[in-house]
Amino acid sequence: MKSEKTKRLAKKYVVSGRVQGVGFRFFVERWAGQLGICGYVKNLWDGTVEVYAIGDGDSHEQLKLRLAEGPGAARISGVSESDEAVDKRYTRFVIEG
């Protein structure tokens, strides 16, 4: 049985603050690629950014740290997290919308 650290998990993160128009989606795409995470990042109508990520537990821990930092021009006020079902259509990480 795989441990939580190595099992593929899906999570949705919603990042709030000044996160649109500051290169946040490109920042997330770069980190997701380095961490071996599949999924997407997109801007939402309310000014937040949604990240759907599939990866192992260690990768999620690292990604969440990066989301809380953001790129230099961003100002993060919060990162919410929820468990999601793994969507096998995502075989790489993409910017949507």
N, C-alpha and C. Protein backbone atom coordinates (compact mmCIF):
# COMPACT_ATOMS: atom_id res chain seq x y z
N MET A 1 0.84 -1.19 0.00
CA MET A 1 0.00 0.00 0.00
C MET A 1 0.88 1.25 0.00
N LYS A 2 0.55 2.20 -0.85
CA LYS A 2 1.34 3.42 -0.94
C LYS A 2 1.04 4.34 0.25
N SER A 3 2.08 5.02 0.70
CA SER A 3 1.89 5.98 1.78
C SER A 3 1.33 7.27 1.20
N GLU A 4 0.85 8.16 2.08
CA GLU A 4 0.30 9.44 1.63
C GLU A 4 1.37 10.29 0.94
N LYS A 5 2.64 10.04 1.27
CA LYS A 5 3.73 10.82 0.68
C LYS A 5 3.96 10.45 -0.78
N THR A 6 3.66 9.19 -1.18
CA THR A 6 3.94 8.74 -2.54
C THR A 6 2.69 8.50 -3.38
N LYS A 7 1.53 8.41 -2.76
CA LYS A 7 0.28 8.19 -3.49
C LYS A 7 -0.11 9.44 -4.27
N ARG A 8 -0.63 9.27 -5.48
CA ARG A 8 -1.09 10.40 -6.29
C ARG A 8 -2.41 10.92 -5.71
N LEU A 9 -2.40 12.19 -5.34
CA LEU A 9 -3.56 12.85 -4.74
C LEU A 9 -3.93 14.05 -5.58
N ALA A 10 -5.20 14.40 -5.57
CA ALA A 10 -5.66 15.61 -6.25
C ALA A 10 -6.18 16.59 -5.21
N LYS A 11 -5.80 17.84 -5.39
CA LYS A 11 -6.25 18.90 -4.49
C LYS A 11 -6.59 20.14 -5.32
N LYS A 12 -7.53 20.90 -4.80
CA LYS A 12 -7.85 22.19 -5.41
C LYS A 12 -7.47 23.26 -4.40
N TYR A 13 -6.71 24.23 -4.88
CA TYR A 13 -6.31 25.38 -4.07
C TYR A 13 -6.95 26.62 -4.67
N VAL A 14 -7.43 27.50 -3.82
CA VAL A 14 -7.91 28.80 -4.27
C VAL A 14 -7.08 29.85 -3.53
N VAL A 15 -6.39 30.67 -4.31
CA VAL A 15 -5.46 31.65 -3.76
C VAL A 15 -6.09 33.03 -3.89
N SER A 16 -6.14 33.75 -2.78
CA SER A 16 -6.75 35.09 -2.78
C SER A 16 -5.71 36.15 -2.46
N GLY A 17 -6.06 37.38 -2.77
CA GLY A 17 -5.16 38.52 -2.58
C GLY A 17 -4.94 39.19 -3.92
N ARG A 18 -3.79 39.84 -4.08
CA ARG A 18 -3.45 40.42 -5.39
C ARG A 18 -2.71 39.33 -6.17
N VAL A 19 -3.49 38.53 -6.90
CA VAL A 19 -2.94 37.36 -7.58
C VAL A 19 -3.22 37.34 -9.08
N GLN A 20 -3.94 38.32 -9.58
CA GLN A 20 -4.18 38.41 -11.03
C GLN A 20 -3.43 39.61 -11.59
N GLY A 21 -2.86 39.43 -12.78
CA GLY A 21 -2.12 40.50 -13.42
C GLY A 21 -0.72 40.68 -12.88
N VAL A 22 -0.21 39.68 -12.15
CA VAL A 22 1.12 39.77 -11.54
C VAL A 22 2.01 38.59 -11.91
N GLY A 23 1.61 37.80 -12.92
CA GLY A 23 2.40 36.64 -13.33
C GLY A 23 2.20 35.41 -12.47
N PHE A 24 1.12 35.39 -11.70
CA PHE A 24 0.90 34.28 -10.77
C PHE A 24 0.71 32.95 -11.48
N ARG A 25 -0.08 32.92 -12.55
CA ARG A 25 -0.33 31.64 -13.25
C ARG A 25 0.96 31.08 -13.84
N PHE A 26 1.82 31.93 -14.39
CA PHE A 26 3.09 31.47 -14.94
C PHE A 26 4.01 30.96 -13.84
N PHE A 27 3.99 31.64 -12.70
CA PHE A 27 4.75 31.22 -11.52
C PHE A 27 4.32 29.82 -11.09
N VAL A 28 3.01 29.58 -11.02
CA VAL A 28 2.48 28.27 -10.61
C VAL A 28 2.83 27.21 -11.65
N GLU A 29 2.70 27.54 -12.92
CA GLU A 29 3.02 26.58 -13.98
C GLU A 29 4.49 26.13 -13.88
N ARG A 30 5.38 27.07 -13.64
CA ARG A 30 6.81 26.74 -13.52
C ARG A 30 7.06 25.80 -12.33
N TRP A 31 6.50 26.14 -11.17
CA TRP A 31 6.71 25.31 -9.99
C TRP A 31 6.06 23.94 -10.14
N ALA A 32 4.88 23.88 -10.72
CA ALA A 32 4.21 22.60 -10.93
C ALA A 32 5.07 21.69 -11.80
N GLY A 33 5.65 22.26 -12.85
CA GLY A 33 6.53 21.48 -13.72
C GLY A 33 7.75 20.95 -12.97
N GLN A 34 8.34 21.77 -12.14
CA GLN A 34 9.51 21.35 -11.37
C GLN A 34 9.16 20.27 -10.35
N LEU A 35 7.93 20.30 -9.86
CA LEU A 35 7.51 19.34 -8.83
C LEU A 35 6.84 18.09 -9.41
N GLY A 36 6.69 18.03 -10.73
CA GLY A 36 6.06 16.87 -11.36
C GLY A 36 4.56 16.80 -11.15
N ILE A 37 3.93 17.95 -11.02
CA ILE A 37 2.49 18.02 -10.77
C ILE A 37 1.74 18.22 -12.09
N CYS A 38 0.62 17.52 -12.24
CA CYS A 38 -0.28 17.68 -13.39
C CYS A 38 -1.50 18.47 -12.92
N GLY A 39 -2.21 19.09 -13.87
CA GLY A 39 -3.43 19.81 -13.53
C GLY A 39 -3.52 21.12 -14.26
N TYR A 40 -4.06 22.14 -13.59
CA TYR A 40 -4.23 23.45 -14.23
C TYR A 40 -4.21 24.57 -13.21
N VAL A 41 -4.03 25.77 -13.73
CA VAL A 41 -4.19 27.00 -12.97
C VAL A 41 -5.03 27.94 -13.82
N LYS A 42 -5.96 28.66 -13.19
CA LYS A 42 -6.77 29.61 -13.94
C LYS A 42 -7.25 30.74 -13.04
N ASN A 43 -7.47 31.89 -13.67
CA ASN A 43 -8.07 33.03 -12.97
C ASN A 43 -9.56 32.80 -12.83
N LEU A 44 -10.11 33.19 -11.70
CA LEU A 44 -11.56 33.14 -11.48
C LEU A 44 -12.13 34.55 -11.54
N TRP A 45 -13.43 34.63 -11.78
CA TRP A 45 -14.11 35.91 -11.97
C TRP A 45 -14.03 36.82 -10.74
N ASP A 46 -13.87 36.22 -9.56
CA ASP A 46 -13.87 37.02 -8.32
C ASP A 46 -12.50 37.56 -7.94
N GLY A 47 -11.50 37.39 -8.82
CA GLY A 47 -10.17 37.91 -8.54
C GLY A 47 -9.22 36.92 -7.91
N THR A 48 -9.71 35.72 -7.61
CA THR A 48 -8.85 34.68 -7.05
C THR A 48 -8.26 33.84 -8.18
N VAL A 49 -7.35 32.94 -7.81
CA VAL A 49 -6.76 31.99 -8.75
C VAL A 49 -7.02 30.59 -8.24
N GLU A 50 -7.48 29.71 -9.14
CA GLU A 50 -7.75 28.31 -8.80
C GLU A 50 -6.64 27.44 -9.36
N VAL A 51 -6.17 26.51 -8.53
CA VAL A 51 -5.15 25.55 -8.94
C VAL A 51 -5.69 24.16 -8.66
N TYR A 52 -5.77 23.33 -9.70
CA TYR A 52 -6.12 21.92 -9.54
C TYR A 52 -4.83 21.16 -9.76
N ALA A 53 -4.40 20.40 -8.75
CA ALA A 53 -3.08 19.77 -8.80
C ALA A 53 -3.16 18.29 -8.46
N ILE A 54 -2.48 17.48 -9.26
CA ILE A 54 -2.36 16.05 -9.03
C ILE A 54 -0.88 15.75 -8.81
N GLY A 55 -0.57 15.19 -7.65
CA GLY A 55 0.82 14.86 -7.33
C GLY A 55 0.88 14.09 -6.03
N ASP A 56 2.09 13.74 -5.62
CA ASP A 56 2.24 13.03 -4.36
C ASP A 56 2.21 14.02 -3.19
N GLY A 57 2.18 13.48 -1.99
CA GLY A 57 2.06 14.32 -0.80
C GLY A 57 3.17 15.33 -0.65
N ASP A 58 4.41 14.91 -0.92
CA ASP A 58 5.54 15.84 -0.82
C ASP A 58 5.40 16.99 -1.81
N SER A 59 4.98 16.66 -3.03
CA SER A 59 4.81 17.70 -4.06
C SER A 59 3.74 18.70 -3.65
N HIS A 60 2.66 18.21 -3.06
CA HIS A 60 1.59 19.12 -2.61
C HIS A 60 2.09 20.03 -1.49
N GLU A 61 2.89 19.49 -0.59
CA GLU A 61 3.43 20.32 0.49
C GLU A 61 4.28 21.45 -0.08
N GLN A 62 5.14 21.10 -1.03
CA GLN A 62 6.01 22.10 -1.65
C GLN A 62 5.19 23.13 -2.45
N LEU A 63 4.20 22.65 -3.20
CA LEU A 63 3.38 23.56 -3.99
C LEU A 63 2.64 24.54 -3.09
N LYS A 64 2.07 24.05 -2.00
CA LYS A 64 1.32 24.93 -1.11
C LYS A 64 2.22 26.03 -0.53
N LEU A 65 3.45 25.68 -0.21
CA LEU A 65 4.41 26.69 0.26
C LEU A 65 4.63 27.76 -0.81
N ARG A 66 4.80 27.33 -2.06
CA ARG A 66 5.02 28.27 -3.16
C ARG A 66 3.79 29.13 -3.41
N LEU A 67 2.60 28.54 -3.31
CA LEU A 67 1.37 29.31 -3.51
C LEU A 67 1.25 30.41 -2.46
N ALA A 68 1.66 30.11 -1.24
CA ALA A 68 1.58 31.10 -0.15
C ALA A 68 2.60 32.23 -0.35
N GLU A 69 3.68 31.95 -1.08
CA GLU A 69 4.69 32.98 -1.37
C GLU A 69 4.28 33.81 -2.57
N GLY A 70 4.00 33.13 -3.69
CA GLY A 70 3.68 33.81 -4.94
C GLY A 70 4.89 34.51 -5.52
N PRO A 71 4.73 35.06 -6.73
CA PRO A 71 5.81 35.85 -7.32
C PRO A 71 5.92 37.19 -6.60
N GLY A 72 7.00 37.91 -6.85
CA GLY A 72 7.28 39.14 -6.12
C GLY A 72 6.18 40.18 -6.11
N ALA A 73 5.46 40.34 -7.23
CA ALA A 73 4.43 41.38 -7.31
C ALA A 73 3.11 40.98 -6.66
N ALA A 74 2.96 39.71 -6.34
CA ALA A 74 1.71 39.23 -5.74
C ALA A 74 1.67 39.54 -4.24
N ARG A 75 0.48 39.64 -3.71
CA ARG A 75 0.26 39.79 -2.27
C ARG A 75 -0.79 38.76 -1.89
N ILE A 76 -0.38 37.69 -1.24
CA ILE A 76 -1.26 36.58 -0.92
C ILE A 76 -1.95 36.85 0.41
N SER A 77 -3.29 36.76 0.41
CA SER A 77 -4.02 36.92 1.67
C SER A 77 -4.57 35.59 2.18
N GLY A 78 -4.59 34.56 1.34
CA GLY A 78 -5.06 33.26 1.80
C GLY A 78 -4.93 32.19 0.73
N VAL A 79 -4.80 30.94 1.19
CA VAL A 79 -4.79 29.77 0.31
C VAL A 79 -5.71 28.74 0.93
N SER A 80 -6.85 28.47 0.26
CA SER A 80 -7.73 27.41 0.75
C SER A 80 -7.42 26.13 -0.01
N GLU A 81 -7.70 25.00 0.61
CA GLU A 81 -7.34 23.70 0.05
C GLU A 81 -8.49 22.73 0.24
N SER A 82 -8.78 21.94 -0.79
CA SER A 82 -9.78 20.88 -0.66
C SER A 82 -9.31 19.65 -1.42
N ASP A 83 -9.68 18.48 -0.91
CA ASP A 83 -9.37 17.22 -1.58
C ASP A 83 -10.33 17.05 -2.75
N GLU A 84 -9.82 16.52 -3.85
CA GLU A 84 -10.60 16.32 -5.06
C GLU A 84 -10.36 14.92 -5.60
N ALA A 85 -11.20 14.49 -6.53
CA ALA A 85 -10.98 13.22 -7.23
C ALA A 85 -9.89 13.44 -8.28
N VAL A 86 -9.09 12.41 -8.52
CA VAL A 86 -8.04 12.49 -9.54
C VAL A 86 -8.70 12.42 -10.92
N ASP A 87 -8.46 13.43 -11.73
CA ASP A 87 -8.97 13.48 -13.10
C ASP A 87 -7.83 13.05 -14.03
N LYS A 88 -7.92 11.85 -14.56
CA LYS A 88 -6.83 11.28 -15.35
C LYS A 88 -6.64 11.94 -16.71
N ARG A 89 -7.52 12.86 -17.07
CA ARG A 89 -7.33 13.60 -18.32
C ARG A 89 -6.12 14.51 -18.25
N TYR A 90 -5.72 14.90 -17.05
CA TYR A 90 -4.58 15.80 -16.90
C TYR A 90 -3.30 15.00 -16.81
N THR A 91 -2.49 15.07 -17.87
CA THR A 91 -1.21 14.36 -17.92
C THR A 91 -0.04 15.33 -17.87
N ARG A 92 -0.35 16.61 -17.83
CA ARG A 92 0.66 17.66 -17.68
C ARG A 92 -0.02 18.85 -17.00
N PHE A 93 0.74 19.90 -16.74
CA PHE A 93 0.18 21.08 -16.08
C PHE A 93 -0.01 22.18 -17.11
N VAL A 94 -1.20 22.80 -17.11
CA VAL A 94 -1.53 23.81 -18.11
C VAL A 94 -2.13 25.06 -17.47
N ILE A 95 -2.01 26.17 -18.19
CA ILE A 95 -2.70 27.40 -17.82
C ILE A 95 -4.01 27.41 -18.59
N GLU A 96 -5.12 27.53 -17.88
CA GLU A 96 -6.44 27.60 -18.53
C GLU A 96 -6.96 29.01 -18.44
N GLY A 97 -7.79 29.36 -19.43
CA GLY A 97 -8.45 30.67 -19.43
C GLY A 97 -7.50 31.78 -19.59
